[in-house]
N, C-alpha and C. Protein backbone atom coordinates (compact mmCIF):
# COMPACT_ATOMS: atom_id res chain seq x y z
N UNK A 1 16.94 4.60 13.79
CA UNK A 1 17.25 5.17 15.08
C UNK A 1 16.89 6.65 15.07
N UNK A 2 16.26 7.11 16.10
CA UNK A 2 15.89 8.51 16.22
C UNK A 2 17.15 9.30 16.57
N UNK A 3 17.45 10.34 15.80
CA UNK A 3 18.70 11.06 15.96
C UNK A 3 18.61 12.18 16.99
N UNK A 4 17.46 12.83 17.06
CA UNK A 4 17.36 13.97 17.97
C UNK A 4 15.90 14.24 18.31
N UNK A 5 15.69 15.28 19.09
CA UNK A 5 14.34 15.64 19.50
C UNK A 5 13.44 16.02 18.34
N UNK A 6 14.04 16.59 17.31
CA UNK A 6 13.28 16.98 16.12
C UNK A 6 12.67 15.74 15.45
N UNK A 7 13.47 14.67 15.32
CA UNK A 7 12.98 13.42 14.73
C UNK A 7 11.84 12.83 15.56
N UNK A 8 11.98 12.91 16.87
CA UNK A 8 10.95 12.38 17.77
C UNK A 8 9.67 13.21 17.62
N UNK A 9 9.83 14.52 17.50
CA UNK A 9 8.66 15.39 17.33
C UNK A 9 7.94 15.09 16.01
N UNK A 10 8.69 14.84 14.94
CA UNK A 10 8.08 14.51 13.65
C UNK A 10 7.35 13.17 13.72
N UNK A 11 7.95 12.20 14.39
CA UNK A 11 7.29 10.90 14.56
C UNK A 11 6.02 11.08 15.39
N UNK A 12 6.09 11.88 16.45
CA UNK A 12 4.91 12.12 17.29
C UNK A 12 3.80 12.77 16.48
N UNK A 13 4.15 13.74 15.64
CA UNK A 13 3.15 14.39 14.79
C UNK A 13 2.50 13.38 13.85
N UNK A 14 3.31 12.54 13.25
CA UNK A 14 2.79 11.52 12.33
C UNK A 14 1.84 10.58 13.06
N UNK A 15 2.22 10.15 14.26
CA UNK A 15 1.38 9.23 15.02
C UNK A 15 0.08 9.90 15.48
N UNK A 16 0.13 11.18 15.80
CA UNK A 16 -1.08 11.91 16.18
C UNK A 16 -2.03 11.99 14.98
N UNK A 17 -1.49 12.33 13.81
CA UNK A 17 -2.31 12.40 12.59
C UNK A 17 -2.93 11.03 12.30
N UNK A 18 -2.11 9.99 12.39
CA UNK A 18 -2.62 8.63 12.13
C UNK A 18 -3.69 8.24 13.14
N UNK A 19 -3.48 8.55 14.39
CA UNK A 19 -4.46 8.22 15.43
C UNK A 19 -5.77 8.98 15.23
N UNK A 20 -5.66 10.24 14.83
CA UNK A 20 -6.87 11.03 14.58
C UNK A 20 -7.67 10.41 13.43
N UNK A 21 -6.99 10.02 12.37
CA UNK A 21 -7.68 9.38 11.24
C UNK A 21 -8.32 8.07 11.65
N UNK A 22 -7.59 7.26 12.42
CA UNK A 22 -8.13 5.98 12.88
C UNK A 22 -9.35 6.22 13.77
N UNK A 23 -9.26 7.22 14.65
CA UNK A 23 -10.38 7.52 15.54
C UNK A 23 -11.62 7.98 14.78
N UNK A 24 -11.42 8.88 13.81
CA UNK A 24 -12.55 9.36 13.01
C UNK A 24 -13.21 8.22 12.22
N UNK A 25 -12.38 7.36 11.64
CA UNK A 25 -12.94 6.25 10.86
C UNK A 25 -13.65 5.25 11.77
N UNK A 26 -13.14 5.08 12.98
CA UNK A 26 -13.80 4.20 13.95
C UNK A 26 -15.17 4.76 14.32
N UNK A 27 -15.23 6.06 14.60
CA UNK A 27 -16.50 6.71 14.93
C UNK A 27 -17.50 6.63 13.78
N UNK A 28 -16.99 6.69 12.56
CA UNK A 28 -17.86 6.63 11.38
C UNK A 28 -18.27 5.20 11.05
N UNK A 29 -17.69 4.22 11.76
CA UNK A 29 -18.03 2.82 11.50
C UNK A 29 -17.40 2.27 10.23
N UNK A 30 -16.32 2.87 9.78
CA UNK A 30 -15.65 2.42 8.56
C UNK A 30 -14.93 1.11 8.83
N UNK A 31 -14.97 0.18 7.87
CA UNK A 31 -14.28 -1.10 8.09
C UNK A 31 -12.76 -0.93 8.15
N UNK A 32 -12.12 -1.74 8.98
CA UNK A 32 -10.67 -1.71 9.17
C UNK A 32 -10.20 -0.29 9.48
N UNK A 33 -10.92 0.39 10.36
CA UNK A 33 -10.70 1.81 10.66
C UNK A 33 -9.27 2.15 11.06
N UNK A 34 -8.60 1.35 11.90
CA UNK A 34 -7.23 1.72 12.26
C UNK A 34 -6.29 1.76 11.04
N UNK A 35 -6.49 0.86 10.11
CA UNK A 35 -5.66 0.82 8.91
C UNK A 35 -6.07 1.90 7.92
N UNK A 36 -7.34 1.92 7.57
CA UNK A 36 -7.80 2.84 6.53
C UNK A 36 -7.77 4.30 6.99
N UNK A 37 -8.22 4.55 8.21
CA UNK A 37 -8.25 5.92 8.70
C UNK A 37 -6.86 6.52 8.85
N UNK A 38 -5.94 5.75 9.42
CA UNK A 38 -4.59 6.27 9.60
C UNK A 38 -3.89 6.46 8.27
N UNK A 39 -4.07 5.53 7.34
CA UNK A 39 -3.43 5.66 6.03
C UNK A 39 -3.91 6.90 5.29
N UNK A 40 -5.21 7.11 5.29
CA UNK A 40 -5.75 8.28 4.59
C UNK A 40 -5.35 9.58 5.29
N UNK A 41 -5.40 9.61 6.61
CA UNK A 41 -5.05 10.83 7.34
C UNK A 41 -3.58 11.21 7.12
N UNK A 42 -2.69 10.25 7.20
CA UNK A 42 -1.27 10.54 7.00
C UNK A 42 -1.01 10.96 5.55
N UNK A 43 -1.69 10.31 4.61
CA UNK A 43 -1.53 10.70 3.20
C UNK A 43 -2.00 12.13 2.96
N UNK A 44 -3.16 12.46 3.50
CA UNK A 44 -3.68 13.83 3.34
C UNK A 44 -2.75 14.82 4.05
N UNK A 45 -2.31 14.47 5.25
CA UNK A 45 -1.38 15.33 5.97
C UNK A 45 -0.11 15.59 5.17
N UNK A 46 0.44 14.54 4.60
CA UNK A 46 1.64 14.70 3.78
C UNK A 46 1.39 15.56 2.56
N UNK A 47 0.25 15.37 1.91
CA UNK A 47 -0.09 16.18 0.74
C UNK A 47 -0.30 17.65 1.10
N UNK A 48 -0.73 17.88 2.32
CA UNK A 48 -0.95 19.26 2.78
C UNK A 48 0.34 19.89 3.32
N UNK A 49 1.42 19.15 3.32
CA UNK A 49 2.71 19.70 3.72
C UNK A 49 3.18 19.33 5.11
N UNK A 50 2.42 18.52 5.84
CA UNK A 50 2.88 18.10 7.16
C UNK A 50 4.11 17.21 6.99
N UNK A 51 5.11 17.40 7.83
CA UNK A 51 6.34 16.60 7.69
C UNK A 51 6.18 15.21 8.33
N UNK A 52 5.33 14.38 7.72
CA UNK A 52 5.07 13.05 8.26
C UNK A 52 6.25 12.13 7.98
N UNK A 53 6.56 11.31 8.96
CA UNK A 53 7.70 10.41 8.81
C UNK A 53 7.54 9.21 9.73
N UNK A 54 8.06 8.11 9.28
CA UNK A 54 8.12 6.90 10.10
C UNK A 54 9.56 6.38 9.97
N UNK A 55 10.27 6.22 11.07
CA UNK A 55 11.64 5.73 10.97
C UNK A 55 11.68 4.29 10.46
N UNK A 56 12.77 3.95 9.81
CA UNK A 56 12.92 2.64 9.19
C UNK A 56 12.70 1.52 10.20
N UNK A 57 13.23 1.65 11.40
CA UNK A 57 13.10 0.58 12.39
C UNK A 57 11.64 0.32 12.76
N UNK A 58 10.84 1.39 12.83
CA UNK A 58 9.42 1.23 13.18
C UNK A 58 8.65 0.63 12.00
N UNK A 59 8.95 1.09 10.80
CA UNK A 59 8.30 0.54 9.61
C UNK A 59 8.60 -0.95 9.49
N UNK A 60 9.86 -1.32 9.67
CA UNK A 60 10.25 -2.73 9.58
C UNK A 60 9.56 -3.55 10.65
N UNK A 61 9.48 -3.02 11.86
CA UNK A 61 8.80 -3.74 12.95
C UNK A 61 7.33 -3.97 12.62
N UNK A 62 6.68 -2.95 12.05
CA UNK A 62 5.28 -3.09 11.67
C UNK A 62 5.11 -4.15 10.58
N UNK A 63 6.02 -4.17 9.62
CA UNK A 63 5.96 -5.19 8.57
C UNK A 63 6.10 -6.59 9.16
N UNK A 64 6.97 -6.74 10.14
CA UNK A 64 7.15 -8.06 10.77
C UNK A 64 5.86 -8.48 11.49
N UNK A 65 5.28 -7.56 12.25
CA UNK A 65 4.03 -7.88 12.96
C UNK A 65 2.92 -8.23 11.97
N UNK A 66 2.78 -7.44 10.91
CA UNK A 66 1.76 -7.73 9.90
C UNK A 66 2.02 -9.08 9.23
N UNK A 67 3.25 -9.34 8.88
CA UNK A 67 3.59 -10.61 8.24
C UNK A 67 3.28 -11.81 9.12
N UNK A 68 3.62 -11.71 10.39
CA UNK A 68 3.34 -12.80 11.33
C UNK A 68 1.84 -12.99 11.50
N UNK A 69 1.11 -11.88 11.61
CA UNK A 69 -0.34 -12.01 11.80
C UNK A 69 -1.02 -12.58 10.56
N UNK A 70 -0.58 -12.18 9.39
CA UNK A 70 -1.14 -12.75 8.16
C UNK A 70 -0.75 -14.22 8.04
N UNK A 71 0.51 -14.52 8.29
CA UNK A 71 0.98 -15.89 8.19
C UNK A 71 0.32 -16.83 9.19
N UNK A 72 -0.03 -16.31 10.35
CA UNK A 72 -0.67 -17.16 11.36
C UNK A 72 -2.07 -17.58 10.94
N UNK A 73 -2.64 -16.89 9.98
CA UNK A 73 -3.97 -17.26 9.48
C UNK A 73 -3.94 -18.37 8.45
N UNK A 74 -2.74 -18.75 8.00
CA UNK A 74 -2.62 -19.82 7.02
C UNK A 74 -2.55 -21.14 7.78
N UNK A 75 -3.65 -21.86 7.73
CA UNK A 75 -3.74 -23.15 8.41
C UNK A 75 -3.83 -24.26 7.37
N UNK A 76 -3.70 -25.50 7.77
CA UNK A 76 -3.87 -26.60 6.81
C UNK A 76 -5.23 -26.54 6.10
N UNK A 77 -6.27 -26.09 6.79
CA UNK A 77 -7.59 -25.96 6.16
C UNK A 77 -7.56 -24.94 5.03
N UNK A 78 -6.84 -23.84 5.24
CA UNK A 78 -6.73 -22.82 4.19
C UNK A 78 -5.99 -23.38 2.99
N UNK A 79 -4.91 -24.10 3.23
CA UNK A 79 -4.14 -24.70 2.13
C UNK A 79 -5.00 -25.72 1.38
N UNK A 80 -5.73 -26.55 2.10
CA UNK A 80 -6.62 -27.53 1.45
C UNK A 80 -7.68 -26.82 0.61
N UNK A 81 -8.24 -25.75 1.14
CA UNK A 81 -9.26 -25.00 0.40
C UNK A 81 -8.66 -24.39 -0.86
N UNK A 82 -7.42 -23.95 -0.79
CA UNK A 82 -6.78 -23.33 -1.95
C UNK A 82 -6.69 -24.31 -3.13
N UNK A 83 -6.48 -25.57 -2.84
CA UNK A 83 -6.41 -26.56 -3.92
C UNK A 83 -7.77 -26.82 -4.55
N UNK A 84 -8.82 -26.41 -3.87
CA UNK A 84 -10.17 -26.61 -4.39
C UNK A 84 -10.64 -25.45 -5.27
N UNK A 85 -9.80 -24.43 -5.45
CA UNK A 85 -10.21 -23.24 -6.19
C UNK A 85 -9.33 -22.95 -7.40
N UNK A 86 -9.03 -23.90 -8.24
CA UNK A 86 -8.13 -23.62 -9.37
C UNK A 86 -8.69 -22.58 -10.34
N UNK A 87 -9.99 -22.55 -10.54
CA UNK A 87 -10.56 -21.55 -11.46
C UNK A 87 -10.38 -20.15 -10.90
N UNK A 88 -10.50 -19.98 -9.58
CA UNK A 88 -10.30 -18.68 -8.96
C UNK A 88 -8.87 -18.20 -9.12
N UNK A 89 -7.93 -19.13 -8.94
CA UNK A 89 -6.52 -18.75 -9.10
C UNK A 89 -6.19 -18.42 -10.54
N UNK A 90 -6.78 -19.14 -11.47
CA UNK A 90 -6.58 -18.83 -12.89
C UNK A 90 -7.14 -17.45 -13.21
N UNK A 91 -8.36 -17.16 -12.71
CA UNK A 91 -8.97 -15.85 -12.95
C UNK A 91 -8.13 -14.74 -12.31
N UNK A 92 -7.58 -15.00 -11.14
CA UNK A 92 -6.73 -14.02 -10.49
C UNK A 92 -5.49 -13.74 -11.34
N UNK A 93 -4.87 -14.78 -11.86
CA UNK A 93 -3.69 -14.60 -12.71
C UNK A 93 -4.00 -13.81 -13.97
N UNK A 94 -5.11 -14.13 -14.62
CA UNK A 94 -5.50 -13.42 -15.83
C UNK A 94 -5.82 -11.96 -15.51
N UNK A 95 -6.58 -11.73 -14.44
CA UNK A 95 -6.93 -10.34 -14.09
C UNK A 95 -5.70 -9.54 -13.70
N UNK A 96 -4.73 -10.17 -13.08
CA UNK A 96 -3.49 -9.49 -12.73
C UNK A 96 -2.76 -9.01 -13.98
N UNK A 97 -2.64 -9.88 -14.96
CA UNK A 97 -1.95 -9.52 -16.20
C UNK A 97 -2.72 -8.43 -16.94
N UNK A 98 -4.03 -8.57 -17.03
CA UNK A 98 -4.85 -7.57 -17.73
C UNK A 98 -4.76 -6.22 -17.02
N UNK A 99 -4.83 -6.21 -15.69
CA UNK A 99 -4.76 -4.93 -14.97
C UNK A 99 -3.40 -4.27 -15.13
N UNK A 100 -2.33 -5.07 -15.15
CA UNK A 100 -0.99 -4.50 -15.37
C UNK A 100 -0.89 -3.89 -16.76
N UNK A 101 -1.37 -4.60 -17.77
CA UNK A 101 -1.29 -4.09 -19.14
C UNK A 101 -2.15 -2.84 -19.32
N UNK A 102 -3.34 -2.86 -18.75
CA UNK A 102 -4.22 -1.69 -18.84
C UNK A 102 -3.62 -0.49 -18.11
N UNK A 103 -3.13 -0.71 -16.91
CA UNK A 103 -2.50 0.36 -16.15
C UNK A 103 -1.29 0.92 -16.88
N UNK A 104 -0.48 0.05 -17.44
CA UNK A 104 0.70 0.48 -18.21
C UNK A 104 0.27 1.35 -19.39
N UNK A 105 -0.74 0.91 -20.12
CA UNK A 105 -1.21 1.66 -21.28
C UNK A 105 -1.75 3.03 -20.87
N UNK A 106 -2.49 3.08 -19.77
CA UNK A 106 -3.03 4.36 -19.29
C UNK A 106 -1.93 5.32 -18.85
N UNK A 107 -0.92 4.78 -18.17
CA UNK A 107 0.18 5.64 -17.73
C UNK A 107 0.97 6.20 -18.91
N UNK A 108 1.13 5.40 -19.96
CA UNK A 108 1.84 5.88 -21.15
C UNK A 108 0.99 6.89 -21.90
N UNK A 109 -0.25 6.56 -22.12
CA UNK A 109 -1.13 7.39 -22.95
C UNK A 109 -1.53 8.71 -22.31
N UNK A 110 -1.89 8.67 -21.03
CA UNK A 110 -2.47 9.86 -20.39
C UNK A 110 -1.56 10.57 -19.39
N UNK A 111 -0.50 9.91 -18.94
CA UNK A 111 0.34 10.52 -17.91
C UNK A 111 1.79 10.72 -18.34
N UNK A 112 2.10 10.43 -19.60
CA UNK A 112 3.42 10.72 -20.14
C UNK A 112 4.55 9.83 -19.66
N UNK A 113 4.23 8.67 -19.12
CA UNK A 113 5.28 7.72 -18.73
C UNK A 113 5.86 7.08 -19.98
N UNK A 114 7.16 6.74 -19.94
CA UNK A 114 7.68 5.89 -21.01
C UNK A 114 7.32 4.45 -20.65
N UNK A 115 7.53 3.54 -21.60
CA UNK A 115 7.07 2.16 -21.41
C UNK A 115 7.71 1.48 -20.20
N UNK A 116 9.01 1.70 -19.98
CA UNK A 116 9.70 1.04 -18.87
C UNK A 116 9.19 1.55 -17.53
N UNK A 117 9.12 2.88 -17.37
CA UNK A 117 8.63 3.45 -16.12
C UNK A 117 7.18 3.04 -15.86
N UNK A 118 6.38 3.01 -16.92
CA UNK A 118 4.97 2.60 -16.77
C UNK A 118 4.88 1.14 -16.34
N UNK A 119 5.76 0.30 -16.84
CA UNK A 119 5.76 -1.12 -16.44
C UNK A 119 6.07 -1.26 -14.95
N UNK A 120 7.07 -0.53 -14.48
CA UNK A 120 7.41 -0.60 -13.06
C UNK A 120 6.29 0.01 -12.21
N UNK A 121 5.71 1.10 -12.66
CA UNK A 121 4.66 1.77 -11.89
C UNK A 121 3.40 0.92 -11.80
N UNK A 122 3.15 0.09 -12.79
CA UNK A 122 1.91 -0.70 -12.79
C UNK A 122 2.11 -2.11 -12.25
N UNK A 123 3.31 -2.45 -11.84
CA UNK A 123 3.57 -3.79 -11.31
C UNK A 123 3.15 -3.89 -9.85
N UNK A 124 2.25 -4.80 -9.53
CA UNK A 124 1.87 -4.97 -8.13
C UNK A 124 2.96 -5.73 -7.40
N UNK A 125 2.93 -5.63 -6.11
CA UNK A 125 3.92 -6.39 -5.34
C UNK A 125 4.59 -5.54 -4.30
N UNK A 126 5.76 -5.89 -3.98
CA UNK A 126 6.52 -5.28 -2.90
C UNK A 126 7.04 -3.92 -3.32
N UNK A 127 6.50 -2.88 -2.71
CA UNK A 127 6.81 -1.50 -3.09
C UNK A 127 8.31 -1.21 -3.04
N UNK A 128 8.97 -1.61 -1.96
CA UNK A 128 10.39 -1.29 -1.84
C UNK A 128 11.21 -2.03 -2.90
N UNK A 129 10.79 -3.22 -3.30
CA UNK A 129 11.50 -3.96 -4.35
C UNK A 129 11.37 -3.23 -5.68
N UNK A 130 10.17 -2.79 -6.01
CA UNK A 130 9.94 -2.06 -7.27
C UNK A 130 10.77 -0.77 -7.27
N UNK A 131 10.78 -0.06 -6.14
CA UNK A 131 11.54 1.19 -6.08
C UNK A 131 13.04 0.95 -6.16
N UNK A 132 13.52 -0.15 -5.59
CA UNK A 132 14.95 -0.44 -5.71
C UNK A 132 15.31 -0.83 -7.14
N UNK A 133 14.42 -1.54 -7.83
CA UNK A 133 14.64 -1.84 -9.25
C UNK A 133 14.69 -0.54 -10.06
N UNK A 134 13.80 0.38 -9.75
CA UNK A 134 13.77 1.65 -10.46
C UNK A 134 15.06 2.43 -10.23
N UNK A 135 15.51 2.46 -8.98
CA UNK A 135 16.74 3.20 -8.66
C UNK A 135 17.95 2.57 -9.33
N UNK A 136 18.01 1.25 -9.38
CA UNK A 136 19.14 0.56 -10.00
C UNK A 136 19.19 0.75 -11.51
N UNK A 137 18.04 1.05 -12.12
CA UNK A 137 18.00 1.17 -13.56
C UNK A 137 17.90 2.63 -14.03
N UNK A 138 18.08 3.56 -13.12
CA UNK A 138 17.98 4.99 -13.44
C UNK A 138 16.61 5.38 -13.98
N UNK A 139 15.58 4.68 -13.54
CA UNK A 139 14.21 5.02 -13.91
C UNK A 139 13.76 6.22 -13.07
N UNK A 140 12.58 6.72 -13.34
CA UNK A 140 12.03 7.87 -12.62
C UNK A 140 11.41 7.39 -11.32
N UNK A 141 12.24 7.30 -10.28
CA UNK A 141 11.82 6.73 -9.00
C UNK A 141 10.67 7.53 -8.38
N UNK A 142 10.72 8.84 -8.51
CA UNK A 142 9.68 9.68 -7.91
C UNK A 142 8.31 9.38 -8.51
N UNK A 143 8.23 9.36 -9.83
CA UNK A 143 6.94 9.10 -10.48
C UNK A 143 6.46 7.67 -10.22
N UNK A 144 7.38 6.73 -10.25
CA UNK A 144 7.01 5.34 -9.99
C UNK A 144 6.54 5.20 -8.55
N UNK A 145 7.25 5.83 -7.62
CA UNK A 145 6.86 5.78 -6.22
C UNK A 145 5.50 6.40 -5.98
N UNK A 146 5.22 7.50 -6.66
CA UNK A 146 3.91 8.15 -6.51
C UNK A 146 2.80 7.25 -7.05
N UNK A 147 3.01 6.66 -8.22
CA UNK A 147 2.00 5.77 -8.80
C UNK A 147 1.80 4.53 -7.92
N UNK A 148 2.89 3.94 -7.45
CA UNK A 148 2.79 2.75 -6.60
C UNK A 148 2.12 3.10 -5.27
N UNK A 149 2.48 4.22 -4.68
CA UNK A 149 1.89 4.62 -3.40
C UNK A 149 0.40 4.91 -3.54
N UNK A 150 0.02 5.50 -4.65
CA UNK A 150 -1.40 5.77 -4.91
C UNK A 150 -2.17 4.45 -5.02
N UNK A 151 -1.59 3.48 -5.69
CA UNK A 151 -2.21 2.16 -5.83
C UNK A 151 -2.38 1.51 -4.46
N UNK A 152 -1.33 1.54 -3.66
CA UNK A 152 -1.39 0.91 -2.33
C UNK A 152 -2.41 1.64 -1.44
N UNK A 153 -2.42 2.97 -1.49
CA UNK A 153 -3.39 3.72 -0.70
C UNK A 153 -4.81 3.39 -1.13
N UNK A 154 -5.05 3.34 -2.42
CA UNK A 154 -6.38 2.99 -2.93
C UNK A 154 -6.81 1.61 -2.41
N UNK A 155 -5.91 0.64 -2.50
CA UNK A 155 -6.25 -0.71 -2.02
C UNK A 155 -6.49 -0.72 -0.52
N UNK A 156 -5.66 0.00 0.22
CA UNK A 156 -5.79 0.03 1.68
C UNK A 156 -7.13 0.60 2.10
N UNK A 157 -7.57 1.63 1.41
CA UNK A 157 -8.81 2.28 1.80
C UNK A 157 -10.04 1.60 1.20
N UNK A 158 -9.95 1.20 -0.05
CA UNK A 158 -11.15 0.71 -0.75
C UNK A 158 -11.46 -0.76 -0.55
N UNK A 159 -10.46 -1.61 -0.44
CA UNK A 159 -10.74 -3.05 -0.32
C UNK A 159 -11.59 -3.36 0.92
N UNK A 160 -11.23 -2.84 2.13
CA UNK A 160 -12.11 -3.14 3.27
C UNK A 160 -13.55 -2.64 3.06
N UNK A 161 -13.69 -1.48 2.44
CA UNK A 161 -15.02 -0.95 2.18
C UNK A 161 -15.78 -1.84 1.20
N UNK A 162 -15.14 -2.24 0.10
CA UNK A 162 -15.79 -3.09 -0.90
C UNK A 162 -16.16 -4.44 -0.30
N UNK A 163 -15.28 -5.00 0.51
CA UNK A 163 -15.57 -6.30 1.13
C UNK A 163 -16.77 -6.18 2.05
N UNK A 164 -16.83 -5.11 2.82
CA UNK A 164 -17.96 -4.91 3.73
C UNK A 164 -19.26 -4.68 2.98
N UNK A 165 -19.21 -3.92 1.90
CA UNK A 165 -20.42 -3.61 1.16
C UNK A 165 -20.94 -4.77 0.33
N UNK A 166 -20.04 -5.57 -0.24
CA UNK A 166 -20.45 -6.58 -1.21
C UNK A 166 -20.39 -8.02 -0.72
N UNK A 167 -19.93 -8.25 0.49
CA UNK A 167 -19.90 -9.64 0.99
C UNK A 167 -20.78 -9.80 2.20
């Protein structure tokens, strides 16, 4: 819930930054421009000190819309096709484990994480779940959140580009 005019002004600033990024990426012909442009613009804005914020109710609403839109794409044909790709699913599982172990090792070796924090920081999945696990275990929530957010930002920006370039 928005508490006052200041909160509304911060949300408006965040939405303007996001819209500018989406617009620039659209003009540049970047794939998935509304997603990638807004994510990068808000991230850069935040790093530059802009007080970007999204209220919990709006974030949750966006997650619901995204979940419904993704879920609506799962048809019986998609499920049937999934059963025809066991080697792909096996490769996905192996690559997931290898990437987690490699990421964990890099975070410990080069970024000074301890093994537990590095494990949480390198675990893919639901960001808020990982952060709540970190908070419940007195782990370094800030460092884990930064590593997880960087991973999500990288995927948000790079996956549409890679798909467009290589498929």
